[in-house]
PDB file of N, CA and C in Angstrom:
ATOM      1  N   MET A   1      88.512 100.778   0.856  1.00  0.00           N
ATOM      2  CA  MET A   1      89.227 100.685   2.113  1.00  0.00           C
ATOM      3  C   MET A   1      88.640  99.554   2.936  1.00  0.00           C
ATOM      4  N   ARG A   2      89.490  98.722   3.402  1.00  0.00           N
ATOM      5  CA  ARG A   2      89.088  97.650   4.314  1.00  0.00           C
ATOM      6  C   ARG A   2      89.421  98.074   5.736  1.00  0.00           C
ATOM      7  N   ILE A   3      88.500  97.803   6.643  1.00  0.00           N
ATOM      8  CA  ILE A   3      88.853  98.029   8.037  1.00  0.00           C
ATOM      9  C   ILE A   3      88.588  96.739   8.805  1.00  0.00           C
ATOM     10  N   PRO A   4      89.479  96.424   9.723  1.00  0.00           N
ATOM     11  CA  PRO A   4      89.297  95.202  10.508  1.00  0.00           C
ATOM     12  C   PRO A   4      88.102  95.338  11.442  1.00  0.00           C
ATOM     13  N   ILE A   5      87.436  94.225  11.623  1.00  0.00           N
ATOM     14  CA  ILE A   5      86.284  94.186  12.525  1.00  0.00           C
ATOM     15  C   ILE A   5      86.298  92.834  13.222  1.00  0.00           C
ATOM     16  N   GLU A   6      86.049  92.846  14.511  1.00  0.00           N
ATOM     17  CA  GLU A   6      86.066  91.620  15.307  1.00  0.00           C
ATOM     18  C   GLU A   6      84.632  91.135  15.485  1.00  0.00           C
ATOM     19  N   LEU A   7      84.337  89.992  14.901  1.00  0.00           N
ATOM     20  CA  LEU A   7      82.998  89.410  15.015  1.00  0.00           C
ATOM     21  C   LEU A   7      83.144  87.993  15.555  1.00  0.00           C
ATOM     22  N   ASP A   8      82.691  86.994  14.811  1.00  0.00           N
ATOM     23  CA  ASP A   8      82.891  85.610  15.215  1.00  0.00           C
ATOM     24  C   ASP A   8      84.364  85.235  15.122  1.00  0.00           C
ATOM     25  N   LYS A   9      85.086  86.007  14.309  1.00  0.00           N
ATOM     26  CA  LYS A   9      86.532  85.889  14.127  1.00  0.00           C
ATOM     27  C   LYS A   9      86.983  87.215  13.526  1.00  0.00           C
ATOM     28  N   PRO A  10      88.264  87.450  13.444  1.00  0.00           N
ATOM     29  CA  PRO A  10      88.691  88.702  12.797  1.00  0.00           C
ATOM     30  C   PRO A  10      88.259  88.715  11.328  1.00  0.00           C
ATOM     31  N   ARG A  11      87.620  89.792  10.933  1.00  0.00           N
ATOM     32  CA  ARG A  11      87.148  89.952   9.556  1.00  0.00           C
ATOM     33  C   ARG A  11      87.520  91.352   9.089  1.00  0.00           C
ATOM     34  N   ALA A  12      87.157  91.664   7.844  1.00  0.00           N
ATOM     35  CA  ALA A  12      87.403  93.003   7.307  1.00  0.00           C
ATOM     36  C   ALA A  12      86.161  93.478   6.578  1.00  0.00           C
ATOM     37  N   LEU A  13      85.776  94.710   6.842  1.00  0.00           N
ATOM     38  CA  LEU A  13      84.652  95.330   6.142  1.00  0.00           C
ATOM     39  C   LEU A  13      85.158  95.977   4.866  1.00  0.00           C
ATOM     40  N   LEU A  14      84.465  95.720   3.768  1.00  0.00           N
ATOM     41  CA  LEU A  14      84.806  96.334   2.493  1.00  0.00           C
ATOM     42  C   LEU A  14      83.522  96.521   1.693  1.00  0.00           C
ATOM     43  N   PHE A  15      83.301  97.733   1.226  1.00  0.00           N
ATOM     44  CA  PHE A  15      82.147  97.998   0.388  1.00  0.00           C
ATOM     45  C   PHE A  15      82.633  98.210  -1.037  1.00  0.00           C
ATOM     46  N   ASP A  16      82.622  97.110  -1.799  1.00  0.00           N
ATOM     47  CA  ASP A  16      82.997  97.174  -3.205  1.00  0.00           C
ATOM     48  C   ASP A  16      81.720  97.295  -4.039  1.00  0.00           C
ATOM     49  N   LEU A  17      81.870  97.260  -5.354  1.00  0.00           N
ATOM     50  CA  LEU A  17      80.712  97.423  -6.233  1.00  0.00           C
ATOM     51  C   LEU A  17      79.667  96.335  -5.993  1.00  0.00           C
ATOM     52  N   ASN A  18      80.107  95.116  -5.710  1.00  0.00           N
ATOM     53  CA  ASN A  18      79.162  94.033  -5.433  1.00  0.00           C
ATOM     54  C   ASN A  18      78.348  94.320  -4.170  1.00  0.00           C
ATOM     55  N   ALA A  19      78.992  94.846  -3.150  1.00  0.00           N
ATOM     56  CA  ALA A  19      78.277  95.190  -1.917  1.00  0.00           C
ATOM     57  C   ALA A  19      77.249  96.280  -2.188  1.00  0.00           C
ATOM     58  N   PHE A  20      77.649  97.297  -2.952  1.00  0.00           N
ATOM     59  CA  PHE A  20      76.713  98.377  -3.270  1.00  0.00           C
ATOM     60  C   PHE A  20      75.534  97.868  -4.098  1.00  0.00           C
ATOM     61  N   ALA A  21      75.786  96.945  -5.011  1.00  0.00           N
ATOM     62  CA  ALA A  21      74.700  96.372  -5.817  1.00  0.00           C
ATOM     63  C   ALA A  21      73.717  95.602  -4.928  1.00  0.00           C
ATOM     64  N   GLU A  22      74.228  94.844  -3.970  1.00  0.00           N
ATOM     65  CA  GLU A  22      73.350  94.105  -3.048  1.00  0.00           C
ATOM     66  C   GLU A  22      72.496  95.069  -2.228  1.00  0.00           C
ATOM     67  N   LEU A  23      73.115  96.143  -1.752  1.00  0.00           N
ATOM     68  CA  LEU A  23      72.369  97.127  -0.963  1.00  0.00           C
ATOM     69  C   LEU A  23      71.307  97.822  -1.798  1.00  0.00           C
ATOM     70  N   GLU A  24      71.629  98.099  -3.048  1.00  0.00           N
ATOM     71  CA  GLU A  24      70.655  98.715  -3.948  1.00  0.00           C
ATOM     72  C   GLU A  24      69.470  97.776  -4.165  1.00  0.00           C
ATOM     73  N   ASP A  25      69.747  96.474  -4.329  1.00  0.00           N
ATOM     74  CA  ASP A  25      68.669  95.491  -4.482  1.00  0.00           C
ATOM     75  C   ASP A  25      67.770  95.457  -3.250  1.00  0.00           C
ATOM     76  N   LYS A  26      68.368  95.529  -2.074  1.00  0.00           N
ATOM     77  CA  LYS A  26      67.605  95.402  -0.827  1.00  0.00           C
ATOM     78  C   LYS A  26      66.839  96.675  -0.457  1.00  0.00           C
ATOM     79  N   PHE A  27      67.446  97.844  -0.715  1.00  0.00           N
ATOM     80  CA  PHE A  27      66.871  99.098  -0.227  1.00  0.00           C
ATOM     81  C   PHE A  27      66.378 100.038  -1.320  1.00  0.00           C
ATOM     82  N   GLY A  28      66.769  99.783  -2.559  1.00  0.00           N
ATOM     83  CA  GLY A  28      66.384 100.681  -3.639  1.00  0.00           C
ATOM     84  C   GLY A  28      67.460 101.701  -3.951  1.00  0.00           C
ATOM     85  N   SER A  29      68.202 102.106  -2.928  1.00  0.00           N
ATOM     86  CA  SER A  29      69.313 103.043  -3.129  1.00  0.00           C
ATOM     87  C   SER A  29      70.259 102.943  -1.938  1.00  0.00           C
ATOM     88  N   LEU A  30      71.475 103.395  -2.157  1.00  0.00           N
ATOM     89  CA  LEU A  30      72.459 103.407  -1.078  1.00  0.00           C
ATOM     90  C   LEU A  30      72.062 104.411  -0.002  1.00  0.00           C
ATOM     91  N   ASP A  31      71.497 105.533  -0.439  1.00  0.00           N
ATOM     92  CA  ASP A  31      71.043 106.546   0.514  1.00  0.00           C
ATOM     93  C   ASP A  31      70.002 105.973   1.466  1.00  0.00           C
ATOM     94  N   GLN A  32      69.060 105.203   0.932  1.00  0.00           N
ATOM     95  CA  GLN A  32      68.014 104.597   1.775  1.00  0.00           C
ATOM     96  C   GLN A  32      68.617 103.644   2.801  1.00  0.00           C
ATOM     97  N   ALA A  33      69.586 102.849   2.374  1.00  0.00           N
ATOM     98  CA  ALA A  33      70.229 101.904   3.285  1.00  0.00           C
ATOM     99  C   ALA A  33      70.900 102.647   4.435  1.00  0.00           C
ATOM    100  N   PHE A  34      71.649 103.677   4.092  1.00  0.00           N
ATOM    101  CA  PHE A  34      72.379 104.462   5.071  1.00  0.00           C
ATOM    102  C   PHE A  34      71.410 105.176   6.017  1.00  0.00           C
ATOM    103  N   GLN A  35      70.338 105.752   5.475  1.00  0.00           N
ATOM    104  CA  GLN A  35      69.351 106.458   6.293  1.00  0.00           C
ATOM    105  C   GLN A  35      68.670 105.522   7.274  1.00  0.00           C
ATOM    106  N   LYS A  36      68.315 104.339   6.795  1.00  0.00           N
ATOM    107  CA  LYS A  36      67.635 103.369   7.679  1.00  0.00           C
ATOM    108  C   LYS A  36      68.535 102.997   8.858  1.00  0.00           C
ATOM    109  N   MET A  37      69.821 102.766   8.575  1.00  0.00           N
ATOM    110  CA  MET A  37      70.728 102.413   9.658  1.00  0.00           C
ATOM    111  C   MET A  37      70.867 103.573  10.633  1.00  0.00           C
ATOM    112  N   GLN A  38      70.987 104.799  10.114  1.00  0.00           N
ATOM    113  CA  GLN A  38      71.119 105.972  10.978  1.00  0.00           C
ATOM    114  C   GLN A  38      69.869 106.209  11.818  1.00  0.00           C
ATOM    115  N   GLN A  39      68.732 105.730  11.341  1.00  0.00           N
ATOM    116  CA  GLN A  39      67.478 105.844  12.097  1.00  0.00           C
ATOM    117  C   GLN A  39      67.376 104.763  13.166  1.00  0.00           C
ATOM    118  N   GLY A  40      68.367 103.888  13.228  1.00  0.00           N
ATOM    119  CA  GLY A  40      68.399 102.860  14.259  1.00  0.00           C
ATOM    120  C   GLY A  40      67.846 101.513  13.844  1.00  0.00           C
ATOM    121  N   SER A  41      67.637 101.291  12.562  1.00  0.00           N
ATOM    122  CA  SER A  41      67.102 100.017  12.111  1.00  0.00           C
ATOM    123  C   SER A  41      68.124  98.900  12.305  1.00  0.00           C
ATOM    124  N   VAL A  42      67.758  97.938  13.127  1.00  0.00           N
ATOM    125  CA  VAL A  42      68.622  96.789  13.375  1.00  0.00           C
ATOM    126  C   VAL A  42      68.760  95.970  12.094  1.00  0.00           C
ATOM    127  N   LYS A  43      67.665  95.822  11.380  1.00  0.00           N
ATOM    128  CA  LYS A  43      67.684  95.050  10.142  1.00  0.00           C
ATOM    129  C   LYS A  43      68.603  95.695   9.101  1.00  0.00           C
ATOM    130  N   ALA A  44      68.560  97.013   8.992  1.00  0.00           N
ATOM    131  CA  ALA A  44      69.432  97.715   8.050  1.00  0.00           C
ATOM    132  C   ALA A  44      70.893  97.558   8.450  1.00  0.00           C
ATOM    133  N   THR A  45      71.172  97.640   9.744  1.00  0.00           N
ATOM    134  CA  THR A  45      72.545  97.460  10.226  1.00  0.00           C
ATOM    135  C   THR A  45      73.041  96.071   9.870  1.00  0.00           C
ATOM    136  N   ARG A  46      72.210  95.066  10.088  1.00  0.00           N
ATOM    137  CA  ARG A  46      72.587  93.695   9.756  1.00  0.00           C
ATOM    138  C   ARG A  46      72.841  93.550   8.268  1.00  0.00           C
ATOM    139  N   THR A  47      71.986  94.140   7.437  1.00  0.00           N
ATOM    140  CA  THR A  47      72.134  94.034   5.990  1.00  0.00           C
ATOM    141  C   THR A  47      73.391  94.756   5.510  1.00  0.00           C
ATOM    142  N   LEU A  48      73.660  95.933   6.049  1.00  0.00           N
ATOM    143  CA  LEU A  48      74.874  96.661   5.681  1.00  0.00           C
ATOM    144  C   LEU A  48      76.120  95.873   6.077  1.00  0.00           C
ATOM    145  N   LEU A  49      76.122  95.297   7.258  1.00  0.00           N
ATOM    146  CA  LEU A  49      77.260  94.490   7.695  1.00  0.00           C
ATOM    147  C   LEU A  49      77.436  93.296   6.773  1.00  0.00           C
ATOM    148  N   TRP A  50      76.343  92.619   6.453  1.00  0.00           N
ATOM    149  CA  TRP A  50      76.377  91.465   5.545  1.00  0.00           C
ATOM    150  C   TRP A  50      76.989  91.849   4.198  1.00  0.00           C
ATOM    151  N   ALA A  51      76.530  92.963   3.626  1.00  0.00           N
ATOM    152  CA  ALA A  51      77.049  93.397   2.327  1.00  0.00           C
ATOM    153  C   ALA A  51      78.538  93.709   2.409  1.00  0.00           C
ATOM    154  N   GLY A  52      78.965  94.285   3.527  1.00  0.00           N
ATOM    155  CA  GLY A  52      80.375  94.630   3.701  1.00  0.00           C
ATOM    156  C   GLY A  52      81.279  93.447   3.953  1.00  0.00           C
ATOM    157  N   LEU A  53      80.686  92.290   4.254  1.00  0.00           N
ATOM    158  CA  LEU A  53      81.474  91.071   4.492  1.00  0.00           C
ATOM    159  C   LEU A  53      81.451  90.100   3.318  1.00  0.00           C
ATOM    160  N   LEU A  54      80.593  90.327   2.353  1.00  0.00           N
ATOM    161  CA  LEU A  54      80.455  89.393   1.229  1.00  0.00           C
ATOM    162  C   LEU A  54      81.741  89.180   0.449  1.00  0.00           C
ATOM    163  N   HIS A  55      82.619  90.159   0.422  1.00  0.00           N
ATOM    164  CA  HIS A  55      83.886  90.010  -0.315  1.00  0.00           C
ATOM    165  C   HIS A  55      84.730  88.880   0.261  1.00  0.00           C
ATOM    166  N   GLU A  56      84.528  88.574   1.549  1.00  0.00           N
ATOM    167  CA  GLU A  56      85.271  87.496   2.201  1.00  0.00           C
ATOM    168  C   GLU A  56      84.633  86.131   1.988  1.00  0.00           C
ATOM    169  N   ASP A  57      83.306  86.115   1.978  1.00  0.00           N
ATOM    170  CA  ASP A  57      82.589  84.839   1.953  1.00  0.00           C
ATOM    171  C   ASP A  57      81.209  85.055   1.334  1.00  0.00           C
ATOM    172  N   GLU A  58      81.063  84.680   0.077  1.00  0.00           N
ATOM    173  CA  GLU A  58      79.790  84.884  -0.625  1.00  0.00           C
ATOM    174  C   GLU A  58      78.674  83.992  -0.100  1.00  0.00           C
ATOM    175  N   THR A  59      79.005  83.008   0.735  1.00  0.00           N
ATOM    176  CA  THR A  59      77.976  82.111   1.273  1.00  0.00           C
ATOM    177  C   THR A  59      77.336  82.655   2.552  1.00  0.00           C
ATOM    178  N   LEU A  60      77.851  83.779   3.067  1.00  0.00           N
ATOM    179  CA  LEU A  60      77.261  84.360   4.275  1.00  0.00           C
ATOM    180  C   LEU A  60      75.801  84.717   4.035  1.00  0.00           C
ATOM    181  N   THR A  61      75.000  84.480   5.037  1.00  0.00           N
ATOM    182  CA  THR A  61      73.599  84.906   4.989  1.00  0.00           C
ATOM    183  C   THR A  61      73.409  86.049   5.984  1.00  0.00           C
ATOM    184  N   GLU A  62      72.349  86.800   5.788  1.00  0.00           N
ATOM    185  CA  GLU A  62      72.062  87.882   6.727  1.00  0.00           C
ATOM    186  C   GLU A  62      71.808  87.332   8.126  1.00  0.00           C
ATOM    187  N   ARG A  63      71.155  86.205   8.215  1.00  0.00           N
ATOM    188  CA  ARG A  63      70.881  85.609   9.534  1.00  0.00           C
ATOM    189  C   ARG A  63      72.173  85.192  10.223  1.00  0.00           C
ATOM    190  N   ARG A  64      73.102  84.640   9.458  1.00  0.00           N
ATOM    191  CA  ARG A  64      74.389  84.252  10.047  1.00  0.00           C
ATOM    192  C   ARG A  64      75.163  85.481  10.525  1.00  0.00           C
ATOM    193  N   VAL A  65      75.116  86.534   9.740  1.00  0.00           N
ATOM    194  CA  VAL A  65      75.772  87.780  10.134  1.00  0.00           C
ATOM    195  C   VAL A  65      75.079  88.364  11.365  1.00  0.00           C
ATOM    196  N   GLY A  66      73.755  88.271  11.408  1.00  0.00           N
ATOM    197  CA  GLY A  66      73.011  88.764  12.563  1.00  0.00           C
ATOM    198  C   GLY A  66      73.404  88.074  13.851  1.00  0.00           C
ATOM    199  N   ALA A  67      73.787  86.816  13.768  1.00  0.00           N
ATOM    200  CA  ALA A  67      74.229  86.078  14.952  1.00  0.00           C
ATOM    201  C   ALA A  67      75.587  86.570  15.452  1.00  0.00           C
ATOM    202  N   MET A  68      76.301  87.330  14.627  1.00  0.00           N
ATOM    203  CA  MET A  68      77.605  87.872  15.015  1.00  0.00           C
ATOM    204  C   MET A  68      77.467  89.197  15.758  1.00  0.00           C
ATOM    205  N   ILE A  69      76.249  89.752  15.774  1.00  0.00           N
ATOM    206  CA  ILE A  69      76.011  91.057  16.383  1.00  0.00           C
ATOM    207  C   ILE A  69      75.263  90.866  17.694  1.00  0.00           C
ATOM    208  N   SER A  70      75.672  91.626  18.706  1.00  0.00           N
ATOM    209  CA  SER A  70      74.948  91.617  19.974  1.00  0.00           C
ATOM    210  C   SER A  70      74.686  93.056  20.396  1.00  0.00           C
ATOM    211  N   LEU A  71      73.929  93.228  21.434  1.00  0.00           N
ATOM    212  CA  LEU A  71      73.650  94.572  21.921  1.00  0.00           C
ATOM    213  C   LEU A  71      74.922  95.246  22.448  1.00  0.00           C
ATOM    214  N   THR A  72      75.925  94.448  22.790  1.00  0.00           N
ATOM    215  CA  THR A  72      77.159  95.031  23.304  1.00  0.00           C
ATOM    216  C   THR A  72      78.077  95.544  22.197  1.00  0.00           C
ATOM    217  N   ASN A  73      77.919  95.034  20.972  1.00  0.00           N
ATOM    218  CA  ASN A  73      78.822  95.484  19.905  1.00  0.00           C
ATOM    219  C   ASN A  73      78.113  96.191  18.748  1.00  0.00           C
ATOM    220  N   VAL A  74      76.810  96.317  18.778  1.00  0.00           N
ATOM    221  CA  VAL A  74      76.075  96.886  17.649  1.00  0.00           C
ATOM    222  C   VAL A  74      76.459  98.343  17.396  1.00  0.00           C
ATOM    223  N   GLU A  75      76.663  99.123  18.446  1.00  0.00           N
ATOM    224  CA  GLU A  75      77.018 100.532  18.263  1.00  0.00           C
ATOM    225  C   GLU A  75      78.400 100.670  17.615  1.00  0.00           C
ATOM    226  N   THR A  76      79.347  99.865  18.059  1.00  0.00           N
ATOM    227  CA  THR A  76      80.687  99.872  17.468  1.00  0.00           C
ATOM    228  C   THR A  76      80.631  99.459  16.007  1.00  0.00           C
ATOM    229  N   ILE A  77      79.835  98.454  15.697  1.00  0.00           N
ATOM    230  CA  ILE A  77      79.689  97.986  14.320  1.00  0.00           C
ATOM    231  C   ILE A  77      79.095  99.086  13.446  1.00  0.00           C
ATOM    232  N   MET A  78      78.088  99.780  13.954  1.00  0.00           N
ATOM    233  CA  MET A  78      77.480 100.876  13.191  1.00  0.00           C
ATOM    234  C   MET A  78      78.517 101.963  12.894  1.00  0.00           C
ATOM    235  N   GLU A  79      79.338 102.291  13.885  1.00  0.00           N
ATOM    236  CA  GLU A  79      80.395 103.295  13.682  1.00  0.00           C
ATOM    237  C   GLU A  79      81.394 102.843  12.623  1.00  0.00           C
ATOM    238  N   GLN A  80      81.749 101.559  12.647  1.00  0.00           N
ATOM    239  CA  GLN A  80      82.702 101.035  11.670  1.00  0.00           C
ATOM    240  C   GLN A  80      82.106 101.035  10.266  1.00  0.00           C
ATOM    241  N   ILE A  81      80.825 100.706  10.152  1.00  0.00           N
ATOM    242  CA  ILE A  81      80.157 100.731   8.849  1.00  0.00           C
ATOM    243  C   ILE A  81      80.152 102.163   8.306  1.00  0.00           C
ATOM    244  N   ILE A  82      79.824 103.120   9.150  1.00  0.00           N
ATOM    245  CA  ILE A  82      79.809 104.521   8.732  1.00  0.00           C
ATOM    246  C   ILE A  82      81.203 104.951   8.284  1.00  0.00           C
ATOM    247  N   GLN A  83      82.220 104.538   9.024  1.00  0.00           N
ATOM    248  CA  GLN A  83      83.598 104.889   8.674  1.00  0.00           C
ATOM    249  C   GLN A  83      83.964 104.365   7.287  1.00  0.00           C
ATOM    250  N   VAL A  84      83.651 103.101   7.009  1.00  0.00           N
ATOM    251  CA  VAL A  84      83.995 102.507   5.720  1.00  0.00           C
ATOM    252  C   VAL A  84      83.184 103.137   4.600  1.00  0.00           C
ATOM    253  N   LEU A  85      81.900 103.353   4.820  1.00  0.00           N
ATOM    254  CA  LEU A  85      81.058 103.958   3.786  1.00  0.00           C
ATOM    255  C   LEU A  85      81.482 105.387   3.475  1.00  0.00           C
ATOM    256  N   THR A  86      81.903 106.116   4.485  1.00  0.00           N
ATOM    257  CA  THR A  86      82.345 107.493   4.275  1.00  0.00           C
ATOM    258  C   THR A  86      83.541 107.538   3.335  1.00  0.00           C
ATOM    259  N   VAL A  87      84.429 106.586   3.483  1.00  0.00           N
ATOM    260  CA  VAL A  87      85.612 106.529   2.612  1.00  0.00           C
ATOM    261  C   VAL A  87      85.245 105.979   1.232  1.00  0.00           C
ATOM    262  N   ALA A  88      84.333 105.016   1.188  1.00  0.00           N
ATOM    263  CA  ALA A  88      83.999 104.343  -0.071  1.00  0.00           C
ATOM    264  C   ALA A  88      83.164 105.193  -1.013  1.00  0.00           C
ATOM    265  N   LEU A  89      82.313 106.051  -0.455  1.00  0.00           N
ATOM    266  CA  LEU A  89      81.421 106.853  -1.288  1.00  0.00           C
ATOM    267  C   LEU A  89      82.046 108.202  -1.607  1.00  0.00           C
ATOM    268  N   PRO A  90      81.893 108.663  -2.837  1.00  0.00           N
ATOM    269  CA  PRO A  90      82.421 109.989  -3.178  1.00  0.00           C
ATOM    270  C   PRO A  90      81.631 111.063  -2.457  1.00  0.00           C
ATOM    271  N   GLU A  91      82.284 112.202  -2.248  1.00  0.00           N
ATOM    272  CA  GLU A  91      81.602 113.327  -1.608  1.00  0.00           C
ATOM    273  C   GLU A  91      80.484 113.815  -2.495  1.00  0.00           C
ATOM    274  N   ASP A  92      79.429 114.334  -1.870  1.00  0.00           N
ATOM    275  CA  ASP A  92      78.325 114.933  -2.621  1.00  0.00           C
ATOM    276  C   ASP A  92      78.810 116.205  -3.291  1.00  0.00           C
ATOM    277  N   THR A  93      78.603 116.289  -4.580  1.00  0.00           N
ATOM    278  CA  THR A  93      78.963 117.506  -5.298  1.00  0.00           C
ATOM    279  C   THR A  93      77.818 117.889  -6.201  1.00  0.00           C
ATOM    280  N   ASP A  94      77.767 119.144  -6.579  1.00  0.00           N
ATOM    281  CA  ASP A  94      76.746 119.612  -7.515  1.00  0.00           C
ATOM    282  C   ASP A  94      77.155 119.146  -8.896  1.00  0.00           C
ATOM    283  N   SER A  95      76.478 118.139  -9.417  1.00  0.00           N
ATOM    284  CA  SER A  95      76.882 117.527 -10.679  1.00  0.00           C
ATOM    285  C   SER A  95      76.812 118.482 -11.854  1.00  0.00           C
ATOM    286  N   SER A  96      75.956 119.500 -11.789  1.00  0.00           N
ATOM    287  CA  SER A  96      75.850 120.423 -12.914  1.00  0.00           C
ATOM    288  C   SER A  96      77.115 121.267 -13.062  1.00  0.00           C
ATOM    289  N   GLU A  97      77.840 121.488 -11.984  1.00  0.00           N
ATOM    290  CA  GLU A  97      79.071 122.261 -12.050  1.00  0.00           C
ATOM    291  C   GLU A  97      80.254 121.408 -12.489  1.00  0.00           C
ATOM    292  N   ASN A  98      80.126 120.095 -12.396  1.00  0.00           N
ATOM    293  CA  ASN A  98      81.250 119.214 -12.671  1.00  0.00           C
ATOM    294  C   ASN A  98      81.138 118.493 -14.005  1.00  0.00           C
ATOM    295  N   VAL A  99      80.181 118.857 -14.810  1.00  0.00           N
ATOM    296  CA  VAL A  99      79.999 118.191 -16.088  1.00  0.00           C
ATOM    297  C   VAL A  99      81.033 118.737 -17.066  1.00  0.00           C
ATOM    298  N   VAL A 100      81.719 117.816 -17.716  1.00  0.00           N
ATOM    299  CA  VAL A 100      82.720 118.201 -18.717  1.00  0.00           C
ATOM    300  C   VAL A 100      82.147 117.882 -20.082  1.00  0.00           C
ATOM    301  N   ALA A 101      82.107 118.869 -20.923  1.00  0.00           N
ATOM    302  CA  ALA A 101      81.580 118.661 -22.277  1.00  0.00           C
ATOM    303  C   ALA A 101      82.525 117.785 -23.061  1.00  0.00           C
ATOM    304  N   PRO A 102      81.994 116.850 -23.880  1.00  0.00           N
ATOM    305  CA  PRO A 102      82.877 116.003 -24.674  1.00  0.00           C
ATOM    306  C   PRO A 102      83.620 116.813 -25.723  1.00  0.00           C
ATOM    307  N   ASP A 103      84.796 116.357 -26.060  1.00  0.00           N
ATOM    308  CA  ASP A 103      85.615 116.994 -27.078  1.00  0.00           C
ATOM    309  C   ASP A 103      84.949 116.770 -28.428  1.00  0.00           C
ATOM    310  N   PRO A 104      84.659 117.825 -29.211  1.00  0.00           N
ATOM    311  CA  PRO A 104      83.915 117.659 -30.467  1.00  0.00           C
ATOM    312  C   PRO A 104      84.724 116.941 -31.545  1.00  0.00           C
ATOM    313  N   GLN A 105      85.982 116.687 -31.355  1.00  0.00           N
ATOM    314  CA  GLN A 105      86.801 116.045 -32.398  1.00  0.00           C
ATOM    315  C   GLN A 105      86.603 114.576 -32.428  1.00  0.00           C
TER     316      GLN A 105
END
């Protein structure tokens, strides 16, 4: 799901597999990235925003994305990131109950 976001210009946030891979490289896991942002980490918020914008422009840097964020819009950006991630990530389920045995044929 893409959601529009107003930064230096109108953009769209999208967390595709490439974005998730970048976040995994930076934080070790998607859960860690999300937790850091929820704890108020400005750096994590910037990194999550950067990863969500890479689909538009692979040349974006975290510093360039950081220049698009101010104290007046950081809370809105965090809410938008949470909204997109909530849709992009599957719900937590007990994997042991959802395992399907392979067909023996």
